[in-house]
Amino acid sequence: MKAKSNISVWRIKKLVNKFLDIDITKNTRTREYVYGRSIYFKLCREFTHATLEEIGQSVGRNHASVIHGLTVFDVMAVYKDTVLSYYKDLKNILLDKSKEDLKKYNDETYYKIKYDELLIEYRKLLSQVSEYETQDT
């Protein structure tokens, strides 16, 4: 099974809306919105642990709409080069963002977290040493 990233459904929705210059939550069945939502559904399935129901609710739809949107994506990816092109571009952006997030976490946060954990452990050990010293005297 492929590992999922830590990218949220909300972040993907924001990116798709901005990239396609539409609001995929709009209640319409025009082609550009249907294609936009289908790209969004596909990206959510690949990058999140969200259920079909959660993905659907994020754009005012249900799980059946997500399943249908994934089917639409598979068909349109074959026949419409623009849909596949938009999907690939968005996927690359998300992959780059997840790499940046991972790097940021590793570089900035990892050592701070470790330092804080070691500092807590050090303080506990100091208190234990002082307890033993008071017991000996």
Protein backbone atom coordinates (compact mmCIF):
# COMPACT_ATOMS: atom_id res chain seq x y z
CA MET A 1 0.00 0.00 0.00
CA LYS A 2 1.26 3.47 -0.87
CA ALA A 3 2.13 5.75 2.02
CA LYS A 4 -0.08 8.80 2.29
CA SER A 5 1.30 12.25 2.97
CA ASN A 6 0.36 14.67 5.71
CA ILE A 7 -1.40 17.01 3.29
CA SER A 8 -4.95 17.87 4.32
CA VAL A 9 -8.13 17.76 2.28
CA TRP A 10 -8.55 21.48 2.94
CA ARG A 11 -5.09 22.24 1.54
CA ILE A 12 -5.78 20.25 -1.63
CA LYS A 13 -9.13 22.00 -2.10
CA LYS A 14 -7.50 25.40 -1.72
CA LEU A 15 -4.79 24.49 -4.24
CA VAL A 16 -7.27 23.12 -6.82
CA ASN A 17 -9.50 26.19 -6.46
CA LYS A 18 -6.56 28.53 -6.92
CA PHE A 19 -4.94 26.57 -9.76
CA LEU A 20 -8.15 26.17 -11.78
CA ASP A 21 -9.52 29.58 -10.73
CA ILE A 22 -12.89 28.09 -9.72
CA ASP A 23 -14.72 27.20 -6.50
CA ILE A 24 -15.22 23.43 -6.61
CA THR A 25 -17.79 23.65 -3.81
CA LYS A 26 -20.15 25.58 -6.10
CA ASN A 27 -23.33 23.60 -6.73
CA THR A 28 -23.16 23.32 -10.51
CA ARG A 29 -22.67 20.58 -13.08
CA THR A 30 -20.84 22.60 -15.71
CA ARG A 31 -17.92 20.83 -17.26
CA GLU A 32 -15.10 22.83 -15.69
CA TYR A 33 -16.48 22.28 -12.18
CA VAL A 34 -17.10 18.56 -12.72
CA TYR A 35 -13.56 18.12 -14.02
CA GLY A 36 -12.16 20.24 -11.20
CA ARG A 37 -13.95 18.17 -8.57
CA SER A 38 -12.85 14.92 -10.20
CA ILE A 39 -9.22 16.07 -10.11
CA TYR A 40 -9.72 17.07 -6.47
CA PHE A 41 -11.20 13.66 -5.61
CA LYS A 42 -8.29 11.86 -7.26
CA LEU A 43 -5.70 13.96 -5.44
CA CYS A 44 -7.46 13.48 -2.09
CA ARG A 45 -7.46 9.71 -2.55
CA GLU A 46 -3.75 9.75 -3.33
CA PHE A 47 -2.53 12.21 -0.71
CA THR A 48 -4.84 11.82 2.30
CA HIS A 49 -6.28 9.21 4.60
CA ALA A 50 -9.71 10.80 4.30
CA THR A 51 -12.70 8.56 3.66
CA LEU A 52 -14.89 8.99 0.61
CA GLU A 53 -17.53 10.54 2.85
CA GLU A 54 -15.07 13.08 4.30
CA ILE A 55 -13.80 14.00 0.84
CA GLY A 56 -17.34 14.45 -0.43
CA GLN A 57 -18.46 16.50 2.57
CA SER A 58 -15.56 18.89 2.05
CA VAL A 59 -17.15 20.00 -1.24
CA GLY A 60 -20.81 19.54 -0.31
CA ARG A 61 -21.21 16.12 -1.89
CA ASN A 62 -21.65 12.54 -0.65
CA HIS A 63 -19.47 9.45 -1.03
CA ALA A 64 -21.30 8.32 -4.18
CA SER A 65 -20.41 11.60 -5.87
CA VAL A 66 -16.76 10.97 -5.02
CA ILE A 67 -16.91 7.48 -6.56
CA HIS A 68 -18.57 8.90 -9.67
CA GLY A 69 -16.01 11.73 -9.81
CA LEU A 70 -13.15 9.23 -9.69
CA THR A 71 -14.76 7.36 -12.59
CA VAL A 72 -15.17 10.61 -14.50
CA PHE A 73 -11.50 11.36 -13.89
CA ASP A 74 -10.39 7.98 -15.25
CA VAL A 75 -12.44 8.47 -18.41
CA MET A 76 -11.53 12.11 -18.93
CA ALA A 77 -7.82 11.49 -18.31
CA VAL A 78 -7.85 9.32 -21.42
CA TYR A 79 -9.87 11.65 -23.66
CA LYS A 80 -9.08 15.16 -22.40
CA ASP A 81 -5.41 16.09 -22.33
CA THR A 82 -6.12 19.20 -20.27
CA VAL A 83 -7.62 17.20 -17.39
CA LEU A 84 -4.58 14.94 -17.22
CA SER A 85 -2.26 17.91 -17.60
CA TYR A 86 -3.93 19.83 -14.75
CA TYR A 87 -3.85 16.71 -12.59
CA LYS A 88 -0.13 16.13 -13.22
CA ASP A 89 0.71 19.77 -12.52
CA LEU A 90 -1.27 19.77 -9.27
CA LYS A 91 0.20 16.44 -8.23
CA ASN A 92 3.73 17.77 -8.78
CA ILE A 93 2.94 20.87 -6.73
CA LEU A 94 1.61 18.71 -3.88
CA LEU A 95 4.63 16.41 -4.04
CA ASP A 96 6.95 19.40 -3.85
CA LYS A 97 4.99 20.84 -0.93
CA SER A 98 5.06 17.55 0.97
CA LYS A 99 8.83 17.32 0.44
CA GLU A 100 9.22 20.90 1.68
CA ASP A 101 7.08 20.14 4.73
CA LEU A 102 9.08 17.01 5.50
CA LYS A 103 12.36 18.88 5.11
CA LYS A 104 11.09 21.73 7.27
CA TYR A 105 9.97 19.27 9.91
CA ASN A 106 13.30 17.46 9.83
CA ASP A 107 15.48 20.54 9.85
CA GLU A 108 13.65 22.90 12.17
CA THR A 109 11.37 20.89 14.39
CA TYR A 110 12.95 17.48 14.82
CA TYR A 111 15.98 18.66 16.77
CA LYS A 112 13.96 21.10 18.85
CA ILE A 113 11.59 18.30 19.87
CA LYS A 114 14.53 16.03 20.69
CA TYR A 115 16.23 18.82 22.64
CA ASP A 116 13.08 19.45 24.69
CA GLU A 117 12.70 15.71 25.41
CA LEU A 118 16.32 15.44 26.52
CA LEU A 119 16.00 18.55 28.67
CA ILE A 120 12.99 17.04 30.48
CA GLU A 121 14.88 13.78 30.98
CA TYR A 122 17.92 15.70 32.25
CA ARG A 123 15.81 17.58 34.80
CA LYS A 124 14.25 14.32 36.03
CA LEU A 125 17.68 12.78 36.45
CA LEU A 126 18.91 15.86 38.34
CA SER A 127 15.98 15.61 40.72
CA GLN A 128 16.66 11.89 41.26
CA VAL A 129 20.33 12.62 41.99
CA SER A 130 19.40 15.30 44.49
CA GLU A 131 16.96 12.86 46.18
CA TYR A 132 19.70 10.24 46.50
CA GLU A 133 22.12 12.81 47.87
CA THR A 134 19.60 13.90 50.53
CA GLN A 135 18.94 10.26 51.46
CA ASP A 136 22.68 9.58 51.97
CA THR A 137 23.19 12.51 54.33
